[in-house]
Amino acid sequence: MKHPITDKAQVSIDFPEKFYVGSFGRDSTLDVSADDQGIHINLERQVGKKRRVGFHVHYYLLADLLQSIGEALNSYGEIDEPHRSALVDATQTLTKAVKARHRKPQESHSSSMTCRPTAGPAPPMVSEVARTDLLIRRQFPYVSRLVSV
């Protein structure tokens, strides 16, 4: 769904022999759509030199981006009320949409627990205890390992 950009975005791409930079402001549009693998973000400048930039961000990367944005904002300090209010409204809309779109696992995969992939090659199949340990360590990084009782 296309709608006008309410603020401003600056995009830069730095290749070894070329550098591209562009800005997208109130005379530009934002278009976001979703598919099975992630979201598509398109910024398009309508006036002057027409420019378009697009991204396809897979869901795990999107989760990493949102996590990093939260951490960056947390360490930044105070945000003025108009910006803070807009961010709160947007995160509530995102949370509501994500919770409403829960897809039940397929029958063939229902008995296996799915883990978020890590960077690098795919991890080998691991036991349920090791998988649970991995999930807990990701959720609570200060826990070094599970201790059996």
C-alpha atoms as a PDB file:
ATOM      1  CA  MET A   1       0.000   0.000   0.000  1.00  0.00           C
ATOM      2  CA  LYS A   2       1.594   3.262  -1.146  1.00  0.00           C
ATOM      3  CA  HIS A   3       1.459   6.312   1.039  1.00  0.00           C
ATOM      4  CA  PRO A   4       3.477   9.535   1.369  1.00  0.00           C
ATOM      5  CA  ILE A   5       6.607   9.595   3.487  1.00  0.00           C
ATOM      6  CA  THR A   6       5.929  11.754   6.549  1.00  0.00           C
ATOM      7  CA  ASP A   7       9.569  12.473   7.374  1.00  0.00           C
ATOM      8  CA  LYS A   8      12.782  11.728   5.471  1.00  0.00           C
ATOM      9  CA  ALA A   9      14.990   8.785   4.537  1.00  0.00           C
ATOM     10  CA  GLN A  10      18.519   8.898   3.186  1.00  0.00           C
ATOM     11  CA  VAL A  11      19.917   5.905   1.367  1.00  0.00           C
ATOM     12  CA  SER A  12      23.529   5.277   0.393  1.00  0.00           C
ATOM     13  CA  ILE A  13      25.153   2.376  -1.400  1.00  0.00           C
ATOM     14  CA  ASP A  14      28.920   2.166  -1.471  1.00  0.00           C
ATOM     15  CA  PHE A  15      30.382  -0.153  -4.113  1.00  0.00           C
ATOM     16  CA  PRO A  16      34.159  -0.476  -4.638  1.00  0.00           C
ATOM     17  CA  GLU A  17      34.171   1.912  -7.620  1.00  0.00           C
ATOM     18  CA  LYS A  18      30.827   3.710  -7.265  1.00  0.00           C
ATOM     19  CA  PHE A  19      28.897   5.532  -4.593  1.00  0.00           C
ATOM     20  CA  TYR A  20      25.167   6.218  -4.759  1.00  0.00           C
ATOM     21  CA  VAL A  21      23.233   8.441  -2.386  1.00  0.00           C
ATOM     22  CA  GLY A  22      19.632   9.549  -2.459  1.00  0.00           C
ATOM     23  CA  SER A  23      17.101  11.138  -0.201  1.00  0.00           C
ATOM     24  CA  PHE A  24      13.393  10.537  -0.011  1.00  0.00           C
ATOM     25  CA  GLY A  25      11.207  13.141   1.657  1.00  0.00           C
ATOM     26  CA  ARG A  26       7.636  14.323   1.775  1.00  0.00           C
ATOM     27  CA  ASP A  27       7.387  14.336  -2.023  1.00  0.00           C
ATOM     28  CA  SER A  28       8.185  10.608  -2.030  1.00  0.00           C
ATOM     29  CA  THR A  29       6.129   7.487  -1.379  1.00  0.00           C
ATOM     30  CA  LEU A  30       6.603   4.425   0.787  1.00  0.00           C
ATOM     31  CA  ASP A  31       5.234   1.059  -0.258  1.00  0.00           C
ATOM     32  CA  VAL A  32       5.461  -1.973   2.044  1.00  0.00           C
ATOM     33  CA  SER A  33       4.158  -5.463   1.284  1.00  0.00           C
ATOM     34  CA  ALA A  34       4.696  -8.915   2.766  1.00  0.00           C
ATOM     35  CA  ASP A  35       5.085 -12.442   1.419  1.00  0.00           C
ATOM     36  CA  ASP A  36       5.964 -15.891   2.809  1.00  0.00           C
ATOM     37  CA  GLN A  37       9.656 -15.033   3.228  1.00  0.00           C
ATOM     38  CA  GLY A  38       9.677 -11.433   4.393  1.00  0.00           C
ATOM     39  CA  ILE A  39       8.699  -7.878   3.614  1.00  0.00           C
ATOM     40  CA  HIS A  40       9.301  -5.643   0.619  1.00  0.00           C
ATOM     41  CA  ILE A  41      10.060  -1.973   1.252  1.00  0.00           C
ATOM     42  CA  ASN A  42      10.061   0.463  -1.662  1.00  0.00           C
ATOM     43  CA  LEU A  43      10.825   4.169  -1.509  1.00  0.00           C
ATOM     44  CA  GLU A  44      10.079   6.201  -4.626  1.00  0.00           C
ATOM     45  CA  ARG A  45      10.774   9.866  -5.303  1.00  0.00           C
ATOM     46  CA  GLN A  46       8.072  11.332  -7.543  1.00  0.00           C
ATOM     47  CA  VAL A  47       9.433  14.817  -8.356  1.00  0.00           C
ATOM     48  CA  GLY A  48      12.736  16.052  -9.714  1.00  0.00           C
ATOM     49  CA  LYS A  49      15.098  13.232 -10.552  1.00  0.00           C
ATOM     50  CA  LYS A  50      12.927  10.194 -10.057  1.00  0.00           C
ATOM     51  CA  ARG A  51      14.555   7.574  -7.850  1.00  0.00           C
ATOM     52  CA  ARG A  52      13.456   4.254  -6.501  1.00  0.00           C
ATOM     53  CA  VAL A  53      15.047   1.971  -3.959  1.00  0.00           C
ATOM     54  CA  GLY A  54      13.728  -1.394  -2.864  1.00  0.00           C
ATOM     55  CA  PHE A  55      14.595  -3.921  -0.180  1.00  0.00           C
ATOM     56  CA  HIS A  56      13.387  -7.452   0.439  1.00  0.00           C
ATOM     57  CA  VAL A  57      14.066  -8.243   4.089  1.00  0.00           C
ATOM     58  CA  HIS A  58      13.535 -11.809   5.303  1.00  0.00           C
ATOM     59  CA  TYR A  59      11.699 -12.259   8.595  1.00  0.00           C
ATOM     60  CA  TYR A  60      14.700 -13.298  10.723  1.00  0.00           C
ATOM     61  CA  LEU A  61      16.682 -10.293   9.496  1.00  0.00           C
ATOM     62  CA  LEU A  62      13.648  -8.110  10.173  1.00  0.00           C
ATOM     63  CA  ALA A  63      13.550  -9.500  13.719  1.00  0.00           C
ATOM     64  CA  ASP A  64      17.270  -8.735  14.108  1.00  0.00           C
ATOM     65  CA  LEU A  65      16.716  -5.196  12.811  1.00  0.00           C
ATOM     66  CA  LEU A  66      13.827  -4.577  15.202  1.00  0.00           C
ATOM     67  CA  GLN A  67      15.849  -5.990  18.108  1.00  0.00           C
ATOM     68  CA  SER A  68      18.827  -3.781  17.203  1.00  0.00           C
ATOM     69  CA  ILE A  69      16.597  -0.730  16.810  1.00  0.00           C
ATOM     70  CA  GLY A  70      15.185  -1.348  20.285  1.00  0.00           C
ATOM     71  CA  GLU A  71      18.678  -1.693  21.748  1.00  0.00           C
ATOM     72  CA  ALA A  72      19.888   1.458  19.953  1.00  0.00           C
ATOM     73  CA  LEU A  73      16.910   3.497  21.155  1.00  0.00           C
ATOM     74  CA  ASN A  74      17.335   2.144  24.675  1.00  0.00           C
ATOM     75  CA  SER A  75      20.945   3.318  24.784  1.00  0.00           C
ATOM     76  CA  TYR A  76      20.205   6.662  23.096  1.00  0.00           C
ATOM     77  CA  GLY A  77      18.248   8.309  25.851  1.00  0.00           C
ATOM     78  CA  GLU A  78      15.056  10.315  25.699  1.00  0.00           C
ATOM     79  CA  ILE A  79      12.966  10.741  22.550  1.00  0.00           C
ATOM     80  CA  ASP A  80      10.673  13.743  22.149  1.00  0.00           C
ATOM     81  CA  GLU A  81       6.966  13.035  22.632  1.00  0.00           C
ATOM     82  CA  PRO A  82       5.733  13.302  18.998  1.00  0.00           C
ATOM     83  CA  HIS A  83       8.378  10.824  17.760  1.00  0.00           C
ATOM     84  CA  ARG A  84       7.955   8.534  20.768  1.00  0.00           C
ATOM     85  CA  SER A  85       4.184   8.457  20.339  1.00  0.00           C
ATOM     86  CA  ALA A  86       4.487   7.598  16.619  1.00  0.00           C
ATOM     87  CA  LEU A  87       6.962   4.787  17.429  1.00  0.00           C
ATOM     88  CA  VAL A  88       4.715   3.357  20.156  1.00  0.00           C
ATOM     89  CA  ASP A  89       1.700   3.372  17.824  1.00  0.00           C
ATOM     90  CA  ALA A  90       3.715   1.683  15.055  1.00  0.00           C
ATOM     91  CA  THR A  91       5.094  -1.035  17.326  1.00  0.00           C
ATOM     92  CA  GLN A  92       1.611  -1.761  18.676  1.00  0.00           C
ATOM     93  CA  THR A  93       0.314  -2.134  15.103  1.00  0.00           C
ATOM     94  CA  LEU A  94       3.233  -4.448  14.252  1.00  0.00           C
ATOM     95  CA  THR A  95       2.718  -6.567  17.376  1.00  0.00           C
ATOM     96  CA  LYS A  96      -1.008  -6.913  16.707  1.00  0.00           C
ATOM     97  CA  ALA A  97      -0.409  -7.905  13.060  1.00  0.00           C
ATOM     98  CA  VAL A  98       2.286 -10.462  13.893  1.00  0.00           C
ATOM     99  CA  LYS A  99       0.213 -12.100  16.645  1.00  0.00           C
ATOM    100  CA  ALA A 100      -2.829 -12.316  14.353  1.00  0.00           C
ATOM    101  CA  ARG A 101      -0.869 -14.025  11.552  1.00  0.00           C
ATOM    102  CA  HIS A 102       0.277 -17.098  13.487  1.00  0.00           C
ATOM    103  CA  ARG A 103       0.478 -20.100  11.160  1.00  0.00           C
ATOM    104  CA  LYS A 104       0.226 -23.537  12.732  1.00  0.00           C
ATOM    105  CA  PRO A 105       3.068 -25.889  11.814  1.00  0.00           C
ATOM    106  CA  GLN A 106       2.392 -28.452   9.115  1.00  0.00           C
ATOM    107  CA  GLU A 107       1.624 -31.993  10.308  1.00  0.00           C
ATOM    108  CA  SER A 108       4.907 -33.404   9.041  1.00  0.00           C
ATOM    109  CA  HIS A 109       6.836 -30.825  11.081  1.00  0.00           C
ATOM    110  CA  SER A 110       4.588 -30.593  14.137  1.00  0.00           C
ATOM    111  CA  SER A 111       6.691 -32.929  16.275  1.00  0.00           C
ATOM    112  CA  SER A 112       9.948 -31.101  15.642  1.00  0.00           C
ATOM    113  CA  MET A 113      10.809 -27.818  17.272  1.00  0.00           C
ATOM    114  CA  THR A 114      11.977 -25.156  14.865  1.00  0.00           C
ATOM    115  CA  CYS A 115      14.975 -23.046  15.733  1.00  0.00           C
ATOM    116  CA  ARG A 116      15.987 -19.733  14.304  1.00  0.00           C
ATOM    117  CA  PRO A 117      18.931 -20.198  11.948  1.00  0.00           C
ATOM    118  CA  THR A 118      22.299 -18.812  12.899  1.00  0.00           C
ATOM    119  CA  ALA A 119      24.887 -17.247  10.624  1.00  0.00           C
ATOM    120  CA  GLY A 120      26.997 -19.752   8.748  1.00  0.00           C
ATOM    121  CA  PRO A 121      26.196 -23.293   7.684  1.00  0.00           C
ATOM    122  CA  ALA A 122      23.039 -24.998   8.884  1.00  0.00           C
ATOM    123  CA  PRO A 123      23.456 -26.558  12.338  1.00  0.00           C
ATOM    124  CA  PRO A 124      23.259 -30.361  12.592  1.00  0.00           C
ATOM    125  CA  MET A 125      20.164 -31.947  14.094  1.00  0.00           C
ATOM    126  CA  VAL A 126      20.390 -31.811  17.869  1.00  0.00           C
ATOM    127  CA  SER A 127      18.575 -33.411  20.755  1.00  0.00           C
ATOM    128  CA  GLU A 128      15.514 -31.808  22.352  1.00  0.00           C
ATOM    129  CA  VAL A 129      17.550 -30.901  25.473  1.00  0.00           C
ATOM    130  CA  ALA A 130      20.293 -29.269  23.400  1.00  0.00           C
ATOM    131  CA  ARG A 131      17.689 -27.414  21.328  1.00  0.00           C
ATOM    132  CA  THR A 132      15.975 -26.135  24.491  1.00  0.00           C
ATOM    133  CA  ASP A 133      19.375 -25.101  25.856  1.00  0.00           C
ATOM    134  CA  LEU A 134      20.064 -23.179  22.646  1.00  0.00           C
ATOM    135  CA  LEU A 135      16.726 -21.378  22.788  1.00  0.00           C
ATOM    136  CA  ILE A 136      17.204 -20.436  26.446  1.00  0.00           C
ATOM    137  CA  ARG A 137      20.729 -19.137  25.803  1.00  0.00           C
ATOM    138  CA  ARG A 138      19.412 -16.969  22.973  1.00  0.00           C
ATOM    139  CA  GLN A 139      16.652 -15.614  25.186  1.00  0.00           C
ATOM    140  CA  PHE A 140      18.902 -15.212  28.246  1.00  0.00           C
ATOM    141  CA  PRO A 141      22.473 -14.654  26.977  1.00  0.00           C
ATOM    142  CA  TYR A 142      23.909 -14.444  30.494  1.00  0.00           C
ATOM    143  CA  VAL A 143      23.022 -18.119  31.110  1.00  0.00           C
ATOM    144  CA  SER A 144      26.038 -20.131  30.000  1.00  0.00           C
ATOM    145  CA  ARG A 145      24.359 -23.558  29.935  1.00  0.00           C
ATOM    146  CA  LEU A 146      21.566 -25.579  31.430  1.00  0.00           C
ATOM    147  CA  VAL A 147      22.262 -27.540  34.556  1.00  0.00           C
ATOM    148  CA  SER A 148      20.447 -30.863  34.949  1.00  0.00           C
ATOM    149  CA  VAL A 149      18.768 -31.421  38.315  1.00  0.00           C
END
